[in-house]
Amino acid sequence: MKLTEKQLLILTIVIPAIIAVVLACVGFFKFNKNIATLSKEIVEVSKKINEEKDRLNKMVELGERLKKLESERDALQAILPTKEEVSYENFIDTLTRFSREAGVKLTSAISDEGKGGPPSSGGKVFFDRISYALKIQGDFFQVVNYIYLLETYQRFIKVDNFSIRPVGMIAADKPIEYGIDLKITSYVYKPPAN
């Protein structure tokens, strides 16, 4: 059987063209479906990336806040004395040095140790309160200088209260000598147990 020119043309051009169109349509639908799936995945991954970026930004902010709080804590700890510094012997040495510098006589120093400090919001005590009752003698300027030395000491010492009274006879040629009763307080930081 001999094929005519038309039949030959149909067999060689039209049928392969139809097959090509069918394959192209199948490929297009399959490709379009892949594009839709990929587009969905891209949107989901982009959403996750944005969520992770937000979390990362929050973590960076929290890290900066933590550094700031640690810095503040360290600065506050630096002004609070250590337990050794406020031990009776060491603290008396410091008070005696101040009395020599100010020119007053330290006649008495009594410790009122460890009544607990101000509570934290959780009710736990993070500070030991250390208090001393002092008695000193000196003229007005010596006493003022002694209190100044206490309050400007590199470590935190608070003068809670004081009372003043003249000591001895008042003489015109000598400055008036005063007896001072001082109540001073400091705190020692107790880090919370982890």
N, C-alpha and C. Protein backbone atom coordinates (compact mmCIF):
# COMPACT_ATOMS: atom_id res chain seq x y z
N MET A 1 0.81 -1.15 0.00
CA MET A 1 0.00 0.00 0.00
C MET A 1 0.88 1.24 0.00
N LYS A 2 0.52 1.95 -0.95
CA LYS A 2 1.28 3.14 -1.20
C LYS A 2 0.56 4.32 -0.57
N LEU A 3 1.33 5.15 0.06
CA LEU A 3 0.72 6.31 0.72
C LEU A 3 0.81 7.49 -0.21
N THR A 4 -0.23 8.24 -0.17
CA THR A 4 -0.24 9.45 -0.98
C THR A 4 0.56 10.52 -0.29
N GLU A 5 0.74 11.54 -1.07
CA GLU A 5 1.52 12.65 -0.51
C GLU A 5 0.82 13.26 0.69
N LYS A 6 -0.41 13.38 0.64
CA LYS A 6 -1.18 13.95 1.75
C LYS A 6 -1.07 13.05 2.98
N GLN A 7 -1.18 11.81 2.77
CA GLN A 7 -1.11 10.88 3.89
C GLN A 7 0.28 10.89 4.51
N LEU A 8 1.26 10.97 3.64
CA LEU A 8 2.63 11.03 4.10
C LEU A 8 2.89 12.31 4.91
N LEU A 9 2.33 13.38 4.41
CA LEU A 9 2.45 14.66 5.09
C LEU A 9 1.78 14.59 6.46
N ILE A 10 0.64 13.97 6.51
CA ILE A 10 -0.07 13.84 7.77
C ILE A 10 0.73 12.98 8.74
N LEU A 11 1.26 11.90 8.24
CA LEU A 11 2.02 11.01 9.11
C LEU A 11 3.32 11.66 9.60
N THR A 12 3.97 12.43 8.81
CA THR A 12 5.26 12.99 9.19
C THR A 12 5.16 14.33 9.92
N ILE A 13 4.13 15.10 9.68
CA ILE A 13 4.08 16.42 10.31
C ILE A 13 2.93 16.53 11.30
N VAL A 14 1.76 16.20 10.95
CA VAL A 14 0.60 16.45 11.77
C VAL A 14 0.59 15.54 13.00
N ILE A 15 0.81 14.28 12.83
CA ILE A 15 0.77 13.36 13.98
C ILE A 15 1.86 13.72 14.99
N PRO A 16 3.11 13.93 14.54
CA PRO A 16 4.10 14.35 15.53
C PRO A 16 3.75 15.70 16.17
N ALA A 17 3.12 16.57 15.40
CA ALA A 17 2.72 17.86 15.96
C ALA A 17 1.66 17.66 17.03
N ILE A 18 0.71 16.79 16.77
CA ILE A 18 -0.34 16.51 17.76
C ILE A 18 0.28 15.89 19.01
N ILE A 19 1.20 14.96 18.80
CA ILE A 19 1.87 14.33 19.94
C ILE A 19 2.65 15.39 20.72
N ALA A 20 3.31 16.28 19.99
CA ALA A 20 4.08 17.34 20.66
C ALA A 20 3.16 18.26 21.45
N VAL A 21 2.00 18.60 20.88
CA VAL A 21 1.05 19.47 21.59
C VAL A 21 0.52 18.77 22.82
N VAL A 22 0.20 17.49 22.72
CA VAL A 22 -0.30 16.74 23.86
C VAL A 22 0.78 16.67 24.95
N LEU A 23 1.99 16.38 24.54
CA LEU A 23 3.08 16.33 25.51
C LEU A 23 3.32 17.71 26.14
N ALA A 24 3.23 18.76 25.33
CA ALA A 24 3.41 20.12 25.85
C ALA A 24 2.32 20.45 26.85
N CYS A 25 1.08 20.06 26.54
CA CYS A 25 -0.03 20.33 27.48
C CYS A 25 0.17 19.56 28.78
N VAL A 26 0.54 18.31 28.68
CA VAL A 26 0.79 17.51 29.88
C VAL A 26 1.94 18.13 30.67
N GLY A 27 3.01 18.49 29.97
CA GLY A 27 4.16 19.12 30.63
C GLY A 27 3.77 20.45 31.26
N PHE A 28 2.96 21.25 30.54
CA PHE A 28 2.55 22.55 31.08
C PHE A 28 1.72 22.39 32.35
N PHE A 29 0.77 21.48 32.33
CA PHE A 29 -0.05 21.28 33.52
C PHE A 29 0.79 20.76 34.70
N LYS A 30 1.69 19.84 34.36
CA LYS A 30 2.56 19.32 35.41
C LYS A 30 3.49 20.43 35.93
N PHE A 31 4.07 21.22 35.03
CA PHE A 31 4.95 22.33 35.40
C PHE A 31 4.17 23.38 36.18
N ASN A 32 2.95 23.67 35.74
CA ASN A 32 2.10 24.65 36.43
C ASN A 32 1.78 24.17 37.85
N LYS A 33 1.53 22.88 37.97
CA LYS A 33 1.25 22.32 39.30
C LYS A 33 2.50 22.43 40.18
N ASN A 34 3.68 22.14 39.63
CA ASN A 34 4.93 22.29 40.37
C ASN A 34 5.17 23.74 40.76
N ILE A 35 4.88 24.65 39.87
CA ILE A 35 5.05 26.08 40.17
C ILE A 35 4.13 26.47 41.33
N ALA A 36 2.90 26.02 41.30
CA ALA A 36 1.96 26.35 42.38
C ALA A 36 2.45 25.77 43.70
N THR A 37 2.92 24.52 43.67
CA THR A 37 3.44 23.89 44.88
C THR A 37 4.67 24.63 45.39
N LEU A 38 5.57 24.95 44.46
CA LEU A 38 6.77 25.68 44.84
C LEU A 38 6.43 27.08 45.36
N SER A 39 5.47 27.74 44.76
CA SER A 39 5.06 29.07 45.23
C SER A 39 4.52 28.98 46.66
N LYS A 40 3.71 27.97 46.93
CA LYS A 40 3.19 27.76 48.29
C LYS A 40 4.33 27.54 49.27
N GLU A 41 5.27 26.69 48.89
CA GLU A 41 6.41 26.40 49.76
C GLU A 41 7.24 27.66 49.99
N ILE A 42 7.42 28.45 48.93
CA ILE A 42 8.18 29.70 49.07
C ILE A 42 7.50 30.64 50.05
N VAL A 43 6.18 30.75 49.96
CA VAL A 43 5.43 31.61 50.89
C VAL A 43 5.58 31.09 52.32
N GLU A 44 5.46 29.78 52.53
CA GLU A 44 5.59 29.20 53.87
C GLU A 44 7.00 29.39 54.42
N VAL A 45 8.01 29.15 53.59
CA VAL A 45 9.39 29.31 54.04
C VAL A 45 9.67 30.79 54.35
N SER A 46 9.17 31.69 53.52
CA SER A 46 9.34 33.13 53.77
C SER A 46 8.70 33.52 55.10
N LYS A 47 7.54 32.97 55.36
CA LYS A 47 6.85 33.24 56.62
C LYS A 47 7.67 32.74 57.81
N LYS A 48 8.21 31.53 57.68
CA LYS A 48 9.04 30.97 58.75
C LYS A 48 10.32 31.80 58.93
N ILE A 49 10.90 32.22 57.83
CA ILE A 49 12.11 33.05 57.91
C ILE A 49 11.81 34.34 58.65
N ASN A 50 10.68 34.98 58.33
CA ASN A 50 10.30 36.22 59.03
C ASN A 50 10.04 35.98 60.51
N GLU A 51 9.39 34.86 60.83
CA GLU A 51 9.16 34.53 62.24
C GLU A 51 10.48 34.32 62.97
N GLU A 52 11.41 33.62 62.32
CA GLU A 52 12.72 33.37 62.94
C GLU A 52 13.51 34.68 63.08
N LYS A 53 13.38 35.56 62.09
CA LYS A 53 14.05 36.88 62.19
C LYS A 53 13.49 37.65 63.39
N ASP A 54 12.17 37.61 63.57
CA ASP A 54 11.55 38.28 64.73
C ASP A 54 12.07 37.67 66.03
N ARG A 55 12.13 36.34 66.08
CA ARG A 55 12.65 35.68 67.29
C ARG A 55 14.10 36.06 67.53
N LEU A 56 14.88 36.08 66.45
CA LEU A 56 16.29 36.46 66.57
C LEU A 56 16.42 37.90 67.07
N ASN A 57 15.61 38.81 66.54
CA ASN A 57 15.63 40.21 67.00
C ASN A 57 15.27 40.31 68.48
N LYS A 58 14.27 39.54 68.89
CA LYS A 58 13.88 39.53 70.30
C LYS A 58 15.01 38.98 71.16
N MET A 59 15.68 37.94 70.67
CA MET A 59 16.80 37.36 71.42
C MET A 59 17.94 38.36 71.53
N VAL A 60 18.19 39.10 70.45
CA VAL A 60 19.25 40.12 70.48
C VAL A 60 18.87 41.19 71.50
N GLU A 61 17.60 41.64 71.48
CA GLU A 61 17.14 42.63 72.47
C GLU A 61 17.28 42.10 73.89
N LEU A 62 16.89 40.83 74.10
CA LEU A 62 17.02 40.24 75.43
C LEU A 62 18.47 40.12 75.85
N GLY A 63 19.34 39.78 74.90
CA GLY A 63 20.77 39.70 75.20
C GLY A 63 21.33 41.06 75.61
N GLU A 64 20.91 42.11 74.89
CA GLU A 64 21.36 43.46 75.23
C GLU A 64 20.83 43.87 76.60
N ARG A 65 19.57 43.53 76.87
CA ARG A 65 18.98 43.85 78.17
C ARG A 65 19.71 43.10 79.29
N LEU A 66 20.03 41.82 79.02
CA LEU A 66 20.76 41.02 80.00
C LEU A 66 22.12 41.65 80.30
N LYS A 67 22.84 42.07 79.25
CA LYS A 67 24.14 42.71 79.45
C LYS A 67 24.00 43.99 80.28
N LYS A 68 22.96 44.76 79.98
CA LYS A 68 22.73 46.01 80.72
C LYS A 68 22.44 45.71 82.19
N LEU A 69 21.57 44.73 82.45
CA LEU A 69 21.23 44.37 83.83
C LEU A 69 22.44 43.80 84.57
N GLU A 70 23.24 42.98 83.89
CA GLU A 70 24.44 42.45 84.52
C GLU A 70 25.42 43.56 84.85
N SER A 71 25.52 44.54 83.95
CA SER A 71 26.41 45.69 84.19
C SER A 71 25.93 46.49 85.39
N GLU A 72 24.61 46.72 85.46
CA GLU A 72 24.05 47.45 86.61
C GLU A 72 24.27 46.67 87.90
N ARG A 73 24.05 45.34 87.85
CA ARG A 73 24.26 44.51 89.04
C ARG A 73 25.72 44.58 89.48
N ASP A 74 26.63 44.48 88.51
CA ASP A 74 28.06 44.53 88.85
C ASP A 74 28.43 45.87 89.45
N ALA A 75 27.85 46.97 88.92
CA ALA A 75 28.14 48.30 89.48
C ALA A 75 27.61 48.40 90.90
N LEU A 76 26.42 47.85 91.14
CA LEU A 76 25.86 47.89 92.49
C LEU A 76 26.65 47.00 93.44
N GLN A 77 27.06 45.84 92.95
CA GLN A 77 27.87 44.95 93.80
C GLN A 77 29.20 45.59 94.14
N ALA A 78 29.73 46.40 93.23
CA ALA A 78 31.03 47.02 93.46
C ALA A 78 30.99 48.01 94.62
N ILE A 79 29.82 48.64 94.87
CA ILE A 79 29.78 49.59 95.98
C ILE A 79 29.41 48.94 97.30
N LEU A 80 28.87 47.73 97.23
CA LEU A 80 28.54 47.04 98.48
C LEU A 80 29.79 46.35 99.01
N PRO A 81 30.01 46.45 100.30
CA PRO A 81 31.19 45.78 100.87
C PRO A 81 31.02 44.27 100.86
N THR A 82 32.15 43.59 100.92
CA THR A 82 32.11 42.13 101.04
C THR A 82 31.95 41.77 102.51
N LYS A 83 31.64 40.53 102.76
CA LYS A 83 31.48 40.05 104.14
C LYS A 83 32.77 40.27 104.93
N GLU A 84 33.91 40.07 104.28
CA GLU A 84 35.21 40.26 104.96
C GLU A 84 35.42 41.74 105.32
N GLU A 85 35.01 42.64 104.42
CA GLU A 85 35.23 44.07 104.67
C GLU A 85 34.42 44.57 105.86
N VAL A 86 33.26 43.97 106.10
CA VAL A 86 32.44 44.42 107.23
C VAL A 86 32.55 43.49 108.43
N SER A 87 33.50 42.56 108.37
CA SER A 87 33.74 41.76 109.58
C SER A 87 34.19 42.74 110.66
N TYR A 88 33.98 42.40 111.89
CA TYR A 88 34.22 43.34 112.98
C TYR A 88 35.64 43.90 112.94
N GLU A 89 36.65 43.04 112.81
CA GLU A 89 38.04 43.50 112.84
C GLU A 89 38.35 44.44 111.68
N ASN A 90 37.97 44.03 110.48
CA ASN A 90 38.28 44.85 109.30
C ASN A 90 37.50 46.17 109.30
N PHE A 91 36.25 46.11 109.72
CA PHE A 91 35.46 47.33 109.72
C PHE A 91 35.96 48.30 110.79
N ILE A 92 36.35 47.76 111.92
CA ILE A 92 36.91 48.62 112.98
C ILE A 92 38.20 49.27 112.48
N ASP A 93 39.01 48.52 111.73
CA ASP A 93 40.22 49.12 111.14
C ASP A 93 39.86 50.30 110.24
N THR A 94 38.83 50.12 109.42
CA THR A 94 38.40 51.21 108.53
C THR A 94 37.88 52.40 109.33
N LEU A 95 37.05 52.13 110.34
CA LEU A 95 36.51 53.21 111.17
C LEU A 95 37.62 53.94 111.93
N THR A 96 38.61 53.18 112.39
CA THR A 96 39.74 53.78 113.11
C THR A 96 40.56 54.66 112.15
N ARG A 97 40.76 54.20 110.94
CA ARG A 97 41.49 55.00 109.95
C ARG A 97 40.75 56.31 109.69
N PHE A 98 39.42 56.23 109.55
CA PHE A 98 38.63 57.45 109.35
C PHE A 98 38.75 58.39 110.55
N SER A 99 38.74 57.81 111.76
CA SER A 99 38.83 58.67 112.96
C SER A 99 40.19 59.37 113.00
N ARG A 100 41.26 58.68 112.62
CA ARG A 100 42.58 59.33 112.57
C ARG A 100 42.59 60.45 111.52
N GLU A 101 42.02 60.17 110.33
CA GLU A 101 42.00 61.17 109.26
C GLU A 101 41.18 62.40 109.67
N ALA A 102 40.06 62.18 110.37
CA ALA A 102 39.19 63.29 110.76
C ALA A 102 39.64 63.95 112.05
N GLY A 103 40.47 63.27 112.84
CA GLY A 103 40.94 63.83 114.11
C GLY A 103 39.99 63.61 115.27
N VAL A 104 39.05 62.65 115.15
CA VAL A 104 38.13 62.36 116.26
C VAL A 104 38.62 61.13 117.01
N LYS A 105 38.06 60.93 118.20
CA LYS A 105 38.36 59.73 118.98
C LYS A 105 37.18 58.77 118.83
N LEU A 106 37.46 57.55 118.39
CA LEU A 106 36.45 56.51 118.31
C LEU A 106 36.45 55.81 119.66
N THR A 107 35.41 56.05 120.47
CA THR A 107 35.41 55.51 121.83
C THR A 107 34.66 54.19 121.95
N SER A 108 33.77 53.89 120.97
CA SER A 108 33.00 52.65 121.05
C SER A 108 32.49 52.29 119.67
N ALA A 109 32.47 50.99 119.36
CA ALA A 109 31.88 50.47 118.12
C ALA A 109 31.27 49.12 118.44
N ILE A 110 29.96 49.05 118.40
CA ILE A 110 29.25 47.81 118.74
C ILE A 110 28.50 47.33 117.50
N SER A 111 28.71 46.07 117.15
CA SER A 111 28.08 45.48 115.97
C SER A 111 26.67 45.00 116.30
N ASP A 112 25.77 45.25 115.38
CA ASP A 112 24.39 44.76 115.47
C ASP A 112 24.16 43.97 114.19
N GLU A 113 24.83 42.82 114.07
CA GLU A 113 24.98 42.15 112.79
C GLU A 113 23.77 41.31 112.39
N GLY A 114 23.53 41.31 111.05
CA GLY A 114 22.74 40.31 110.35
C GLY A 114 21.26 40.23 110.59
N LYS A 115 20.54 41.31 110.69
CA LYS A 115 19.10 41.25 110.88
C LYS A 115 18.35 41.04 109.57
N GLY A 116 19.04 40.87 108.45
CA GLY A 116 18.38 40.69 107.16
C GLY A 116 18.13 42.02 106.51
N GLY A 117 18.24 42.04 105.21
CA GLY A 117 18.10 43.29 104.47
C GLY A 117 16.72 43.45 103.89
N PRO A 118 16.59 44.40 103.00
CA PRO A 118 15.29 44.60 102.38
C PRO A 118 14.93 43.40 101.52
N PRO A 119 13.71 42.90 101.63
CA PRO A 119 13.36 41.71 100.86
C PRO A 119 13.18 42.05 99.39
N SER A 120 13.43 41.06 98.54
CA SER A 120 13.15 41.23 97.13
C SER A 120 11.66 41.04 96.91
N SER A 121 11.22 41.20 95.67
CA SER A 121 9.79 41.07 95.40
C SER A 121 9.29 39.66 95.69
N GLY A 122 10.17 38.65 95.62
CA GLY A 122 9.77 37.28 95.89
C GLY A 122 9.80 36.92 97.36
N GLY A 123 10.14 37.87 98.24
CA GLY A 123 10.20 37.62 99.66
C GLY A 123 11.52 37.03 100.12
N LYS A 124 12.45 36.76 99.19
CA LYS A 124 13.76 36.24 99.58
C LYS A 124 14.66 37.41 99.95
N VAL A 125 15.57 37.19 100.85
CA VAL A 125 16.50 38.23 101.28
C VAL A 125 17.80 38.05 100.53
N PHE A 126 18.19 39.07 99.75
CA PHE A 126 19.42 39.01 98.97
C PHE A 126 20.55 39.83 99.60
N PHE A 127 20.29 40.39 100.78
CA PHE A 127 21.29 41.22 101.44
C PHE A 127 21.34 40.89 102.92
N ASP A 128 22.55 40.92 103.45
CA ASP A 128 22.71 40.88 104.91
C ASP A 128 22.93 42.32 105.35
N ARG A 129 22.15 42.73 106.32
CA ARG A 129 22.29 44.08 106.86
C ARG A 129 23.32 44.04 107.97
N ILE A 130 24.29 44.95 107.91
CA ILE A 130 25.34 45.04 108.91
C ILE A 130 25.24 46.44 109.52
N SER A 131 25.03 46.50 110.82
CA SER A 131 24.89 47.79 111.50
C SER A 131 25.89 47.90 112.64
N TYR A 132 26.31 49.12 112.90
CA TYR A 132 27.21 49.42 114.00
C TYR A 132 26.70 50.64 114.74
N ALA A 133 26.82 50.59 116.05
CA ALA A 133 26.55 51.76 116.89
C ALA A 133 27.92 52.30 117.29
N LEU A 134 28.20 53.55 116.93
CA LEU A 134 29.50 54.15 117.18
C LEU A 134 29.37 55.31 118.16
N LYS A 135 30.42 55.51 118.91
CA LYS A 135 30.53 56.70 119.76
C LYS A 135 31.86 57.35 119.42
N ILE A 136 31.81 58.65 119.08
CA ILE A 136 33.03 59.37 118.75
C ILE A 136 33.04 60.69 119.52
N GLN A 137 34.23 61.27 119.63
CA GLN A 137 34.37 62.58 120.27
C GLN A 137 35.28 63.44 119.41
N GLY A 138 34.92 64.71 119.30
CA GLY A 138 35.74 65.65 118.55
C GLY A 138 35.03 66.99 118.46
N ASP A 139 35.73 67.98 117.88
CA ASP A 139 35.06 69.27 117.70
C ASP A 139 34.13 69.18 116.50
N PHE A 140 33.38 70.23 116.28
CA PHE A 140 32.34 70.23 115.25
C PHE A 140 32.90 69.85 113.88
N PHE A 141 33.99 70.47 113.45
CA PHE A 141 34.54 70.23 112.13
C PHE A 141 35.12 68.82 112.00
N GLN A 142 35.69 68.30 113.07
CA GLN A 142 36.20 66.93 113.05
C GLN A 142 35.06 65.94 112.89
N VAL A 143 33.96 66.18 113.61
CA VAL A 143 32.79 65.30 113.53
C VAL A 143 32.19 65.34 112.14
N VAL A 144 32.05 66.54 111.58
CA VAL A 144 31.49 66.67 110.23
C VAL A 144 32.41 65.96 109.23
N ASN A 145 33.70 66.10 109.38
CA ASN A 145 34.66 65.43 108.48
C ASN A 145 34.54 63.91 108.61
N TYR A 146 34.36 63.40 109.83
CA TYR A 146 34.22 61.95 110.03
C TYR A 146 32.96 61.43 109.32
N ILE A 147 31.85 62.13 109.51
CA ILE A 147 30.60 61.71 108.84
C ILE A 147 30.77 61.78 107.33
N TYR A 148 31.46 62.81 106.85
CA TYR A 148 31.73 62.94 105.41
C TYR A 148 32.55 61.73 104.91
N LEU A 149 33.57 61.34 105.66
CA LEU A 149 34.38 60.19 105.27
C LEU A 149 33.54 58.91 105.21
N LEU A 150 32.62 58.76 106.17
CA LEU A 150 31.74 57.59 106.14
C LEU A 150 30.85 57.59 104.90
N GLU A 151 30.24 58.72 104.63
CA GLU A 151 29.26 58.77 103.54
C GLU A 151 29.89 58.82 102.16
N THR A 152 31.15 59.17 102.05
CA THR A 152 31.81 59.19 100.74
C THR A 152 32.76 58.02 100.55
N TYR A 153 32.74 57.09 101.48
CA TYR A 153 33.57 55.90 101.38
C TYR A 153 33.20 55.15 100.10
N GLN A 154 34.18 54.50 99.46
CA GLN A 154 33.95 53.81 98.19
C GLN A 154 32.90 52.71 98.31
N ARG A 155 32.69 52.21 99.48
CA ARG A 155 31.66 51.21 99.72
C ARG A 155 30.46 51.90 100.37
N PHE A 156 29.29 51.29 100.19
CA PHE A 156 28.06 51.89 100.70
C PHE A 156 28.00 51.81 102.22
N ILE A 157 27.97 52.96 102.86
CA ILE A 157 27.74 53.06 104.30
C ILE A 157 26.73 54.19 104.49
N LYS A 158 25.66 53.89 105.18
CA LYS A 158 24.61 54.88 105.41
C LYS A 158 24.63 55.27 106.89
N VAL A 159 24.61 56.57 107.12
CA VAL A 159 24.47 57.06 108.50
C VAL A 159 22.97 57.13 108.75
N ASP A 160 22.47 56.20 109.57
CA ASP A 160 21.03 56.12 109.83
C ASP A 160 20.56 57.28 110.70
N ASN A 161 21.28 57.50 111.77
CA ASN A 161 20.93 58.62 112.65
C ASN A 161 22.13 58.93 113.55
N PHE A 162 22.07 60.07 114.18
CA PHE A 162 23.11 60.43 115.13
C PHE A 162 22.54 61.40 116.15
N SER A 163 23.15 61.40 117.30
CA SER A 163 22.80 62.39 118.33
C SER A 163 24.10 63.05 118.76
N ILE A 164 23.99 64.30 119.16
CA ILE A 164 25.18 65.09 119.49
C ILE A 164 24.97 65.76 120.84
N ARG A 165 26.03 65.82 121.64
CA ARG A 165 25.96 66.48 122.95
C ARG A 165 27.35 67.04 123.27
N PRO A 166 27.40 68.14 123.96
CA PRO A 166 28.71 68.67 124.35
C PRO A 166 29.32 67.77 125.43
N VAL A 167 30.65 67.67 125.42
CA VAL A 167 31.37 66.86 126.39
C VAL A 167 32.30 67.79 127.17
N GLY A 168 32.26 67.68 128.47
CA GLY A 168 33.18 68.45 129.31
C GLY A 168 32.77 69.91 129.43
N MET A 169 33.70 70.67 129.95
CA MET A 169 33.47 72.10 130.20
C MET A 169 33.75 72.90 128.94
N ILE A 170 32.96 73.92 128.74
CA ILE A 170 33.16 74.80 127.60
C ILE A 170 34.15 75.88 128.02
N ALA A 171 35.22 75.99 127.25
CA ALA A 171 36.24 76.99 127.55
C ALA A 171 36.35 77.94 126.36
N ALA A 172 36.62 79.20 126.63
CA ALA A 172 36.69 80.21 125.58
C ALA A 172 37.89 79.99 124.66
N ASP A 173 38.97 79.43 125.18
CA ASP A 173 40.17 79.28 124.37
C ASP A 173 40.25 77.93 123.62
N LYS A 174 39.26 77.05 123.80
CA LYS A 174 39.26 75.76 123.14
C LYS A 174 37.95 75.58 122.36
N PRO A 175 38.00 74.85 121.24
CA PRO A 175 36.74 74.55 120.56
C PRO A 175 35.90 73.60 121.42
N ILE A 176 34.61 73.69 121.25
CA ILE A 176 33.70 72.82 122.01
C ILE A 176 33.88 71.39 121.52
N GLU A 177 34.04 70.47 122.46
CA GLU A 177 34.16 69.05 122.13
C GLU A 177 32.77 68.43 122.25
N TYR A 178 32.45 67.60 121.26
CA TYR A 178 31.14 66.96 121.21
C TYR A 178 31.30 65.45 121.29
N GLY A 179 30.31 64.84 121.91
CA GLY A 179 30.18 63.38 121.90
C GLY A 179 29.07 63.06 120.90
N ILE A 180 29.34 62.17 119.99
CA ILE A 180 28.38 61.82 118.95
C ILE A 180 28.08 60.33 119.04
N ASP A 181 26.80 60.00 119.05
CA ASP A 181 26.37 58.60 118.92
C ASP A 181 25.86 58.44 117.49
N LEU A 182 26.47 57.53 116.74
CA LEU A 182 26.11 57.28 115.33
C LEU A 182 25.58 55.88 115.17
N LYS A 183 24.60 55.75 114.33
CA LYS A 183 24.12 54.42 113.92
C LYS A 183 24.38 54.35 112.42
N ILE A 184 25.24 53.41 111.98
CA ILE A 184 25.55 53.26 110.56
C ILE A 184 25.16 51.87 110.10
N THR A 185 24.84 51.77 108.81
CA THR A 185 24.40 50.51 108.23
C THR A 185 25.05 50.33 106.87
N SER A 186 25.34 49.08 106.55
CA SER A 186 25.76 48.70 105.20
C SER A 186 25.10 47.36 104.90
N TYR A 187 25.21 46.97 103.66
CA TYR A 187 24.61 45.70 103.23
C TYR A 187 25.65 44.88 102.48
N VAL A 188 25.57 43.56 102.63
CA VAL A 188 26.41 42.64 101.89
C VAL A 188 25.48 41.83 100.99
N TYR A 189 25.79 41.81 99.71
CA TYR A 189 24.97 41.11 98.72
C TYR A 189 25.12 39.60 98.86
N LYS A 190 23.99 38.91 98.88
CA LYS A 190 23.97 37.43 98.89
C LYS A 190 23.34 37.00 97.57
N PRO A 191 24.15 36.54 96.61
CA PRO A 191 23.56 36.12 95.32
C PRO A 191 22.58 34.98 95.53
N PRO A 192 21.49 34.98 94.77
CA PRO A 192 20.53 33.88 94.90
C PRO A 192 21.15 32.57 94.41
N ALA A 193 20.77 31.49 95.05
CA ALA A 193 21.24 30.17 94.63
C ALA A 193 20.55 29.80 93.33
N ASN A 194 21.31 29.23 92.41
CA ASN A 194 20.72 28.86 91.10
C ASN A 194 19.92 27.64 91.18
